[in-house]
C-alpha atoms as a PDB file:
ATOM      1  CA  MET A   1      -4.900 -19.311  -6.459  1.00  0.00           C
ATOM      2  CA  GLN A   2      -8.126 -18.490  -8.278  1.00  0.00           C
ATOM      3  CA  PHE A   3      -8.726 -15.923 -10.917  1.00  0.00           C
ATOM      4  CA  GLY A   4     -11.566 -13.486 -10.393  1.00  0.00           C
ATOM      5  CA  CYS A   5     -13.139 -11.909 -13.517  1.00  0.00           C
ATOM      6  CA  PHE A   6     -14.142  -8.379 -14.503  1.00  0.00           C
ATOM      7  CA  THR A   7     -17.871  -9.282 -14.138  1.00  0.00           C
ATOM      8  CA  GLN A   8     -17.153  -9.799 -10.390  1.00  0.00           C
ATOM      9  CA  ALA A   9     -15.476  -6.355 -10.103  1.00  0.00           C
ATOM     10  CA  ARG A  10     -12.271  -7.995  -9.018  1.00  0.00           C
ATOM     11  CA  LEU A  11      -9.360  -9.761 -10.831  1.00  0.00           C
ATOM     12  CA  PHE A  12      -7.626 -11.435  -7.904  1.00  0.00           C
ATOM     13  CA  GLN A  13      -8.945 -13.656  -5.229  1.00  0.00           C
ATOM     14  CA  PRO A  14      -6.159 -15.233  -3.236  1.00  0.00           C
ATOM     15  CA  SER A  15      -6.659 -18.018  -0.832  1.00  0.00           C
ATOM     16  CA  GLY A  16      -6.842 -16.923   2.845  1.00  0.00           C
ATOM     17  CA  THR A  17      -8.861 -13.733   1.963  1.00  0.00           C
ATOM     18  CA  LYS A  18     -12.377 -12.800   2.933  1.00  0.00           C
ATOM     19  CA  ASN A  19     -14.726 -12.297  -0.049  1.00  0.00           C
ATOM     20  CA  GLY A  20     -11.774 -11.604  -2.358  1.00  0.00           C
ATOM     21  CA  ARG A  21     -10.178  -9.008  -0.048  1.00  0.00           C
ATOM     22  CA  PRO A  22      -7.267  -9.327   2.230  1.00  0.00           C
ATOM     23  CA  ASN A  23      -8.139 -10.102   5.776  1.00  0.00           C
ATOM     24  CA  LEU A  24      -6.997  -6.843   7.310  1.00  0.00           C
ATOM     25  CA  LYS A  25      -8.200  -7.507  10.817  1.00  0.00           C
ATOM     26  CA  GLN A  26      -5.994 -10.631  11.151  1.00  0.00           C
ATOM     27  CA  ALA A  27      -2.928  -8.880   9.709  1.00  0.00           C
ATOM     28  CA  MET A  28      -3.234  -5.786  11.785  1.00  0.00           C
ATOM     29  CA  ARG A  29      -3.796  -7.790  14.955  1.00  0.00           C
ATOM     30  CA  ALA A  30      -0.416  -9.459  14.257  1.00  0.00           C
ATOM     31  CA  THR A  31       1.170  -5.943  13.714  1.00  0.00           C
ATOM     32  CA  SER A  32      -0.443  -4.611  16.988  1.00  0.00           C
ATOM     33  CA  ALA A  33       0.896  -7.655  18.843  1.00  0.00           C
ATOM     34  CA  VAL A  34       4.316  -6.965  17.623  1.00  0.00           C
ATOM     35  CA  HIS A  35       4.215  -3.301  18.692  1.00  0.00           C
ATOM     36  CA  ARG A  36       3.049  -4.326  22.179  1.00  0.00           C
ATOM     37  CA  ARG A  37       5.729  -6.945  22.562  1.00  0.00           C
ATOM     38  CA  CYS A  38       8.598  -4.911  21.048  1.00  0.00           C
ATOM     39  CA  GLY A  39       7.745  -1.442  22.128  1.00  0.00           C
ATOM     40  CA  GLY A  40       8.761  -0.340  18.630  1.00  0.00           C
ATOM     41  CA  ARG A  41      12.287  -1.800  18.905  1.00  0.00           C
ATOM     42  CA  ALA A  42      13.605  -3.149  15.572  1.00  0.00           C
ATOM     43  CA  ALA A  43      15.847  -5.707  17.359  1.00  0.00           C
ATOM     44  CA  CYS A  44      12.981  -7.448  19.048  1.00  0.00           C
ATOM     45  CA  PHE A  45      11.019  -7.404  15.751  1.00  0.00           C
ATOM     46  CA  LEU A  46      13.990  -8.936  13.951  1.00  0.00           C
ATOM     47  CA  TYR A  47      14.083 -11.798  16.624  1.00  0.00           C
ATOM     48  CA  ILE A  48      10.368 -12.517  15.992  1.00  0.00           C
ATOM     49  CA  CYS A  49      10.864 -12.575  12.276  1.00  0.00           C
ATOM     50  CA  LEU A  50      13.811 -14.929  12.558  1.00  0.00           C
ATOM     51  CA  ARG A  51      11.802 -17.310  14.655  1.00  0.00           C
ATOM     52  CA  GLN A  52       9.034 -17.234  12.118  1.00  0.00           C
ATOM     53  CA  PHE A  53      11.648 -17.763   9.327  1.00  0.00           C
ATOM     54  CA  PHE A  54      13.011 -20.938  10.811  1.00  0.00           C
ATOM     55  CA  ALA A  55       9.542 -22.323  11.469  1.00  0.00           C
ATOM     56  CA  VAL A  56       8.471 -22.303   7.745  1.00  0.00           C
ATOM     57  CA  ASP A  57       9.556 -24.103   4.623  1.00  0.00           C
ATOM     58  CA  ILE A  58      12.608 -22.344   3.143  1.00  0.00           C
ATOM     59  CA  ASN A  59      11.309 -23.209  -0.333  1.00  0.00           C
ATOM     60  CA  GLN A  60       8.040 -21.409   0.420  1.00  0.00           C
ATOM     61  CA  LEU A  61       9.932 -18.278   1.500  1.00  0.00           C
ATOM     62  CA  ILE A  62      12.043 -18.268  -1.568  1.00  0.00           C
ATOM     63  CA  GLN A  63       9.028 -18.554  -3.796  1.00  0.00           C
ATOM     64  CA  VAL A  64       7.217 -15.695  -2.090  1.00  0.00           C
ATOM     65  CA  ILE A  65      10.259 -13.426  -2.206  1.00  0.00           C
ATOM     66  CA  ALA A  66      11.034 -14.276  -5.888  1.00  0.00           C
ATOM     67  CA  VAL A  67       7.451 -13.539  -7.016  1.00  0.00           C
ATOM     68  CA  GLY A  68       6.272 -10.779  -4.690  1.00  0.00           C
ATOM     69  CA  ALA A  69       9.370  -8.781  -4.055  1.00  0.00           C
ATOM     70  CA  LEU A  70       9.433  -6.873  -7.310  1.00  0.00           C
ATOM     71  CA  PRO A  71       5.736  -5.713  -7.412  1.00  0.00           C
ATOM     72  CA  VAL A  72       5.671  -4.911  -3.602  1.00  0.00           C
ATOM     73  CA  LEU A  73       8.905  -2.909  -3.620  1.00  0.00           C
ATOM     74  CA  PHE A  74       7.847  -1.147  -6.783  1.00  0.00           C
ATOM     75  CA  ALA A  75       4.470  -0.228  -5.272  1.00  0.00           C
ATOM     76  CA  ILE A  76       5.900   1.372  -2.144  1.00  0.00           C
ATOM     77  CA  THR A  77       8.895   3.044  -3.799  1.00  0.00           C
ATOM     78  CA  VAL A  78       6.931   4.597  -6.635  1.00  0.00           C
ATOM     79  CA  HIS A  79       4.364   5.744  -4.149  1.00  0.00           C
ATOM     80  CA  GLU A  80       7.021   7.743  -2.121  1.00  0.00           C
ATOM     81  CA  ALA A  81       8.784   8.947  -5.251  1.00  0.00           C
ATOM     82  CA  ALA A  82       5.451  10.300  -6.562  1.00  0.00           C
ATOM     83  CA  HIS A  83       5.173  12.481  -3.414  1.00  0.00           C
ATOM     84  CA  GLY A  84       8.592  13.869  -4.123  1.00  0.00           C
ATOM     85  CA  TYR A  85       7.939  14.639  -7.793  1.00  0.00           C
ATOM     86  CA  ALA A  86       4.704  16.305  -6.912  1.00  0.00           C
ATOM     87  CA  ALA A  87       6.389  18.338  -4.219  1.00  0.00           C
ATOM     88  CA  ARG A  88       9.059  19.526  -6.701  1.00  0.00           C
ATOM     89  CA  HIS A  89       6.330  20.472  -9.166  1.00  0.00           C
ATOM     90  CA  PHE A  90       4.665  22.734  -6.611  1.00  0.00           C
ATOM     91  CA  GLY A  91       7.921  24.326  -5.395  1.00  0.00           C
ATOM     92  CA  ASP A  92       9.586  22.165  -2.685  1.00  0.00           C
ATOM     93  CA  HIS A  93      12.899  20.710  -3.856  1.00  0.00           C
ATOM     94  CA  THR A  94      13.777  19.046  -0.527  1.00  0.00           C
ATOM     95  CA  ALA A  95      13.421  15.524  -1.791  1.00  0.00           C
ATOM     96  CA  ALA A  96      15.393  16.295  -4.933  1.00  0.00           C
ATOM     97  CA  MET A  97      18.235  17.742  -2.894  1.00  0.00           C
ATOM     98  CA  MET A  98      18.263  14.558  -0.689  1.00  0.00           C
ATOM     99  CA  GLY A  99      18.445  12.284  -3.676  1.00  0.00           C
ATOM    100  CA  ARG A 100      14.960  10.790  -3.129  1.00  0.00           C
ATOM    101  CA  LEU A 101      13.625  11.583  -6.675  1.00  0.00           C
ATOM    102  CA  THR A 102      14.463   8.113  -7.907  1.00  0.00           C
ATOM    103  CA  LEU A 103      12.880   4.749  -8.528  1.00  0.00           C
ATOM    104  CA  ASN A 104      15.960   3.063  -7.050  1.00  0.00           C
ATOM    105  CA  PRO A 105      14.369   0.967  -4.155  1.00  0.00           C
ATOM    106  CA  LEU A 106      17.531   1.238  -2.102  1.00  0.00           C
ATOM    107  CA  LYS A 107      16.860   4.923  -1.673  1.00  0.00           C
ATOM    108  CA  HIS A 108      13.436   4.309  -0.211  1.00  0.00           C
ATOM    109  CA  ILE A 109      13.881   0.982   1.759  1.00  0.00           C
ATOM    110  CA  ASP A 110      13.162   1.092   5.463  1.00  0.00           C
ATOM    111  CA  LEU A 111      14.449  -1.979   7.344  1.00  0.00           C
ATOM    112  CA  PHE A 112      11.412  -2.211   9.540  1.00  0.00           C
ATOM    113  CA  GLY A 113       8.666  -1.263   7.097  1.00  0.00           C
ATOM    114  CA  THR A 114       9.961  -2.610   3.832  1.00  0.00           C
ATOM    115  CA  VAL A 115      11.589  -5.853   4.970  1.00  0.00           C
ATOM    116  CA  LEU A 116      10.728  -6.998   8.508  1.00  0.00           C
ATOM    117  CA  MET A 117       6.994  -6.113   8.680  1.00  0.00           C
ATOM    118  CA  PRO A 118       6.021  -7.629   5.338  1.00  0.00           C
ATOM    119  CA  LEU A 119       7.879 -10.899   6.319  1.00  0.00           C
ATOM    120  CA  LEU A 120       6.102 -11.150   9.656  1.00  0.00           C
ATOM    121  CA  LEU A 121       2.733 -10.345   8.355  1.00  0.00           C
ATOM    122  CA  TYR A 122       3.068 -12.950   5.616  1.00  0.00           C
ATOM    123  CA  PHE A 123       3.933 -15.672   8.162  1.00  0.00           C
ATOM    124  CA  ALA A 124       1.456 -14.444  10.823  1.00  0.00           C
ATOM    125  CA  THR A 125      -1.491 -14.454   8.374  1.00  0.00           C
ATOM    126  CA  SER A 126      -0.468 -17.658   6.368  1.00  0.00           C
ATOM    127  CA  GLY A 127       0.076 -15.304   3.300  1.00  0.00           C
ATOM    128  CA  ALA A 128      -3.402 -13.788   3.470  1.00  0.00           C
ATOM    129  CA  PHE A 129      -2.088 -10.209   3.875  1.00  0.00           C
ATOM    130  CA  VAL A 130       1.217  -8.529   3.381  1.00  0.00           C
ATOM    131  CA  PHE A 131       1.798  -4.852   3.946  1.00  0.00           C
ATOM    132  CA  GLY A 132       4.779  -2.550   4.219  1.00  0.00           C
ATOM    133  CA  TYR A 133       5.964   0.972   3.655  1.00  0.00           C
ATOM    134  CA  ALA A 134       9.064   2.835   2.502  1.00  0.00           C
ATOM    135  CA  ARG A 135      10.938   5.704   4.085  1.00  0.00           C
ATOM    136  CA  PRO A 136       8.694   8.748   3.792  1.00  0.00           C
ATOM    137  CA  VAL A 137       9.882  11.351   1.304  1.00  0.00           C
ATOM    138  CA  PRO A 138      10.579  14.721   3.094  1.00  0.00           C
ATOM    139  CA  VAL A 139       8.281  17.510   2.076  1.00  0.00           C
ATOM    140  CA  ILE A 140       8.398  21.020   3.732  1.00  0.00           C
ATOM    141  CA  ALA A 141       5.063  22.543   3.278  1.00  0.00           C
ATOM    142  CA  ARG A 142       6.185  26.130   3.677  1.00  0.00           C
ATOM    143  CA  ASN A 143       8.325  25.776   0.468  1.00  0.00           C
ATOM    144  CA  LEU A 144       5.172  25.063  -1.530  1.00  0.00           C
ATOM    145  CA  ARG A 145       3.695  27.948  -3.554  1.00  0.00           C
ATOM    146  CA  ASN A 146       0.335  27.457  -1.855  1.00  0.00           C
ATOM    147  CA  PRO A 147       1.055  25.251   1.146  1.00  0.00           C
ATOM    148  CA  LYS A 148      -2.561  24.302   2.058  1.00  0.00           C
ATOM    149  CA  THR A 149      -3.857  23.183  -1.311  1.00  0.00           C
ATOM    150  CA  ASP A 150      -0.541  22.095  -2.767  1.00  0.00           C
ATOM    151  CA  MET A 151       0.119  19.737   0.186  1.00  0.00           C
ATOM    152  CA  ALA A 152      -3.160  18.056  -0.689  1.00  0.00           C
ATOM    153  CA  TRP A 153      -2.041  17.513  -4.256  1.00  0.00           C
ATOM    154  CA  VAL A 154       1.343  16.173  -3.068  1.00  0.00           C
ATOM    155  CA  ALA A 155      -0.445  13.780  -0.740  1.00  0.00           C
ATOM    156  CA  LEU A 156      -2.783  12.631  -3.540  1.00  0.00           C
ATOM    157  CA  ALA A 157       0.116  11.782  -5.792  1.00  0.00           C
ATOM    158  CA  GLY A 158       0.990   8.672  -3.881  1.00  0.00           C
ATOM    159  CA  PRO A 159      -2.387   6.915  -4.185  1.00  0.00           C
ATOM    160  CA  ALA A 160      -2.679   8.132  -7.786  1.00  0.00           C
ATOM    161  CA  SER A 161       0.584   6.423  -8.599  1.00  0.00           C
ATOM    162  CA  ASN A 162      -0.752   3.226  -6.989  1.00  0.00           C
ATOM    163  CA  PHE A 163      -3.836   3.428  -9.230  1.00  0.00           C
ATOM    164  CA  VAL A 164      -1.659   3.758 -12.335  1.00  0.00           C
ATOM    165  CA  MET A 165       0.436   0.800 -11.256  1.00  0.00           C
ATOM    166  CA  ALA A 166      -2.609  -1.296 -10.476  1.00  0.00           C
ATOM    167  CA  LEU A 167      -3.898  -0.487 -13.949  1.00  0.00           C
ATOM    168  CA  LEU A 168      -0.685  -1.605 -15.591  1.00  0.00           C
ATOM    169  CA  TRP A 169      -0.492  -4.830 -13.633  1.00  0.00           C
ATOM    170  CA  ALA A 170      -4.072  -5.629 -14.566  1.00  0.00           C
ATOM    171  CA  ALA A 171      -3.321  -4.933 -18.213  1.00  0.00           C
ATOM    172  CA  MET A 172      -0.365  -7.227 -17.896  1.00  0.00           C
ATOM    173  CA  LEU A 173      -2.491  -9.951 -16.370  1.00  0.00           C
ATOM    174  CA  LEU A 174      -5.199  -9.727 -19.019  1.00  0.00           C
ATOM    175  CA  GLY A 175      -2.625  -9.512 -21.803  1.00  0.00           C
ATOM    176  CA  LEU A 176      -1.086 -12.759 -20.644  1.00  0.00           C
ATOM    177  CA  ARG A 177      -4.456 -14.440 -20.451  1.00  0.00           C
ATOM    178  CA  ALA A 178      -5.445 -13.082 -23.929  1.00  0.00           C
ATOM    179  CA  GLY A 179      -2.227 -14.462 -25.430  1.00  0.00           C
ATOM    180  CA  ASN A 180      -2.670 -17.790 -23.597  1.00  0.00           C
ATOM    181  CA  VAL A 181       0.600 -17.195 -21.786  1.00  0.00           C
ATOM    182  CA  MET A 182      -0.298 -18.713 -18.458  1.00  0.00           C
ATOM    183  CA  GLU A 183       3.286 -18.830 -16.987  1.00  0.00           C
ATOM    184  CA  PRO A 184       2.501 -19.183 -13.158  1.00  0.00           C
ATOM    185  CA  PHE A 185       5.389 -16.896 -12.141  1.00  0.00           C
ATOM    186  CA  LEU A 186       4.324 -14.019 -14.368  1.00  0.00           C
ATOM    187  CA  VAL A 187       0.575 -14.483 -13.647  1.00  0.00           C
ATOM    188  CA  LEU A 188       1.053 -14.491  -9.895  1.00  0.00           C
ATOM    189  CA  MET A 189       3.424 -11.503 -10.065  1.00  0.00           C
ATOM    190  CA  ALA A 190       0.743  -9.529 -11.947  1.00  0.00           C
ATOM    191  CA  GLN A 191      -1.877 -10.535  -9.414  1.00  0.00           C
ATOM    192  CA  ILE A 192       0.242  -9.512  -6.474  1.00  0.00           C
ATOM    193  CA  GLY A 193       1.252  -6.266  -8.184  1.00  0.00           C
ATOM    194  CA  MET A 194      -2.395  -5.293  -8.881  1.00  0.00           C
ATOM    195  CA  THR A 195      -3.805  -6.276  -5.514  1.00  0.00           C
ATOM    196  CA  THR A 196      -0.918  -4.643  -3.550  1.00  0.00           C
ATOM    197  CA  ASN A 197      -1.460  -1.344  -5.344  1.00  0.00           C
ATOM    198  CA  VAL A 198      -5.179  -1.360  -4.937  1.00  0.00           C
ATOM    199  CA  ALA A 199      -4.860  -2.078  -1.202  1.00  0.00           C
ATOM    200  CA  LEU A 200      -2.239   0.647  -0.702  1.00  0.00           C
ATOM    201  CA  LEU A 201      -4.415   3.114  -2.548  1.00  0.00           C
ATOM    202  CA  ALA A 202      -7.483   2.322  -0.442  1.00  0.00           C
ATOM    203  CA  LEU A 203      -5.663   2.394   2.854  1.00  0.00           C
ATOM    204  CA  ASN A 204      -3.720   5.567   2.157  1.00  0.00           C
ATOM    205  CA  LEU A 205      -6.886   7.429   1.028  1.00  0.00           C
ATOM    206  CA  PHE A 206      -8.591   6.932   4.473  1.00  0.00           C
ATOM    207  CA  PRO A 207      -9.206  10.559   5.570  1.00  0.00           C
ATOM    208  CA  LEU A 208      -7.198  10.536   8.768  1.00  0.00           C
ATOM    209  CA  PRO A 209      -3.661  11.950   9.206  1.00  0.00           C
ATOM    210  CA  PRO A 210      -0.925  10.844   8.910  1.00  0.00           C
ATOM    211  CA  LEU A 211      -2.402   8.929   5.964  1.00  0.00           C
ATOM    212  CA  ASP A 212      -2.516  10.676   2.558  1.00  0.00           C
ATOM    213  CA  GLY A 213      -6.256  10.916   2.687  1.00  0.00           C
ATOM    214  CA  GLY A 214      -6.019  12.964   5.907  1.00  0.00           C
ATOM    215  CA  ARG A 215      -3.692  15.475   4.282  1.00  0.00           C
ATOM    216  CA  VAL A 216      -6.011  15.639   1.178  1.00  0.00           C
ATOM    217  CA  LEU A 217      -8.955  16.335   3.512  1.00  0.00           C
ATOM    218  CA  ALA A 218      -7.018  18.963   5.505  1.00  0.00           C
ATOM    219  CA  GLY A 219      -6.273  20.766   2.196  1.00  0.00           C
ATOM    220  CA  THR A 220      -9.958  21.028   1.401  1.00  0.00           C
ATOM    221  CA  LEU A 221     -11.232  22.110   4.878  1.00  0.00           C
ATOM    222  CA  PRO A 222     -11.530  25.619   6.216  1.00  0.00           C
ATOM    223  CA  PRO A 223      -8.424  26.683   8.213  1.00  0.00           C
ATOM    224  CA  GLN A 224      -9.867  26.104  11.695  1.00  0.00           C
ATOM    225  CA  ALA A 225     -11.283  22.716  10.773  1.00  0.00           C
ATOM    226  CA  ALA A 226      -7.957  21.711   9.113  1.00  0.00           C
ATOM    227  CA  LEU A 227      -6.070  22.714  12.312  1.00  0.00           C
ATOM    228  CA  THR A 228      -8.434  20.526  14.387  1.00  0.00           C
ATOM    229  CA  LEU A 229      -7.816  17.642  12.068  1.00  0.00           C
ATOM    230  CA  ALA A 230      -4.060  18.176  12.306  1.00  0.00           C
ATOM    231  CA  ARG A 231      -4.195  17.793  16.033  1.00  0.00           C
ATOM    232  CA  VAL A 232      -5.483  14.196  15.577  1.00  0.00           C
ATOM    233  CA  GLU A 233      -2.268  13.192  13.738  1.00  0.00           C
ATOM    234  CA  PRO A 234      -0.302  11.952  16.807  1.00  0.00           C
ATOM    235  CA  PHE A 235      -3.178   9.534  17.543  1.00  0.00           C
ATOM    236  CA  GLY A 236      -3.903   8.569  13.999  1.00  0.00           C
ATOM    237  CA  PHE A 237      -2.065   5.257  14.017  1.00  0.00           C
ATOM    238  CA  PHE A 238      -4.001   4.148  17.145  1.00  0.00           C
ATOM    239  CA  ILE A 239      -7.302   5.269  15.767  1.00  0.00           C
ATOM    240  CA  VAL A 240      -6.795   3.358  12.512  1.00  0.00           C
ATOM    241  CA  MET A 241      -5.713   0.307  14.451  1.00  0.00           C
ATOM    242  CA  GLY A 242      -8.876   0.430  16.570  1.00  0.00           C
ATOM    243  CA  LEU A 243     -11.053   0.833  13.554  1.00  0.00           C
ATOM    244  CA  ILE A 244      -9.403  -2.216  12.006  1.00  0.00           C
ATOM    245  CA  LEU A 245      -9.780  -4.391  15.087  1.00  0.00           C
ATOM    246  CA  MET A 246     -13.436  -3.517  15.148  1.00  0.00           C
ATOM    247  CA  ASP A 247     -13.855  -4.408  11.536  1.00  0.00           C
ATOM    248  CA  VAL A 248     -15.088  -0.853  10.784  1.00  0.00           C
ATOM    249  CA  LEU A 249     -12.232   0.152   8.440  1.00  0.00           C
ATOM    250  CA  ASP A 250     -12.453  -3.181   6.615  1.00  0.00           C
ATOM    251  CA  TRP A 251     -16.173  -3.198   5.977  1.00  0.00           C
ATOM    252  CA  LEU A 252     -16.867   0.555   5.705  1.00  0.00           C
ATOM    253  CA  TRP A 253     -13.791   1.744   3.806  1.00  0.00           C
ATOM    254  CA  MET A 254     -11.398  -0.895   2.441  1.00  0.00           C
ATOM    255  CA  ARG A 255     -13.906  -3.133   0.800  1.00  0.00           C
ATOM    256  CA  PRO A 256     -15.920  -0.269  -0.903  1.00  0.00           C
ATOM    257  CA  ILE A 257     -12.843   1.656  -2.055  1.00  0.00           C
ATOM    258  CA  MET A 258     -11.082  -1.476  -3.343  1.00  0.00           C
ATOM    259  CA  GLY A 259     -14.274  -2.651  -5.031  1.00  0.00           C
ATOM    260  CA  ALA A 260     -14.749   0.763  -6.730  1.00  0.00           C
ATOM    261  CA  THR A 261     -11.170   0.676  -7.847  1.00  0.00           C
ATOM    262  CA  TYR A 262     -11.447  -2.745  -9.403  1.00  0.00           C
ATOM    263  CA  TRP A 263     -14.670  -1.565 -11.171  1.00  0.00           C
ATOM    264  CA  LEU A 264     -12.883   1.423 -12.498  1.00  0.00           C
ATOM    265  CA  ILE A 265     -10.007  -0.763 -13.750  1.00  0.00           C
ATOM    266  CA  GLU A 266     -12.650  -2.860 -15.433  1.00  0.00           C
ATOM    267  CA  MET A 267     -14.187   0.073 -17.149  1.00  0.00           C
ATOM    268  CA  LEU A 268     -10.907   1.356 -18.459  1.00  0.00           C
ATOM    269  CA  LEU A 269      -9.514  -1.993 -19.682  1.00  0.00           C
ATOM    270  CA  SER A 270     -12.536  -3.898 -20.821  1.00  0.00           C
ATOM    271  CA  PRO A 271     -12.671  -2.162 -24.282  1.00  0.00           C
ATOM    272  CA  PHE A 272      -9.244  -3.562 -25.014  1.00  0.00           C
ATOM    273  CA  PHE A 273      -9.724  -7.122 -23.507  1.00  0.00           C
ATOM    274  CA  ARG A 274     -13.118  -8.497 -24.644  1.00  0.00           C
END
């Protein structure tokens, strides 16, 4: 593992990445292949994960889980909880009534998205990219005081929480370095936490439903345009997948947004860590 620096507008440059960013194309090709082979069935996905599991060094797996489990779980659970808290603030108490306003990961874990997908992507990309998701927090738009604009704020709460967490992990990393505390476990955990949250922020801000950015965009468009955008939602996953496979999303969205986020983190933290 190499350490980036603030002057390079990035703090983390893991091996197996392209120009300091995760190789999204490789990772999502693996995800697409799983969908084609499994037809969305969790049992088949589990079978593939188990095959990958027995093909790798068990010590490597233990190390990855020990270091990366906490920051990755925290990133996706806080992201979902933030949606619920924002929804409650704007008048929808559905998440609260269902017990989802909590940072307890067990309330948000999805077997496929939180456990199986990250494992397979880790092995399929040799650790270059890991991605997952939690169970979506239920939000009923008609319960919001101003459904159109409030839904945009509810959607924005998730990426905003990822930015705050990325900032905190970056502060932890720089604090360790400033104090000459270079314990590999803690340093790597901070790196994973920062990079995971920056990647989640960038991907979720892409302006296409069902991603958060699509809902934010819908909240700012005129009613007819918002309705047209909403009709795209059933095909959103496949559109995003196509853009990734063509390297469009990586080059034209993920890299600029992640770079801008690292730059903003630099601006906010550099006065405290010179």
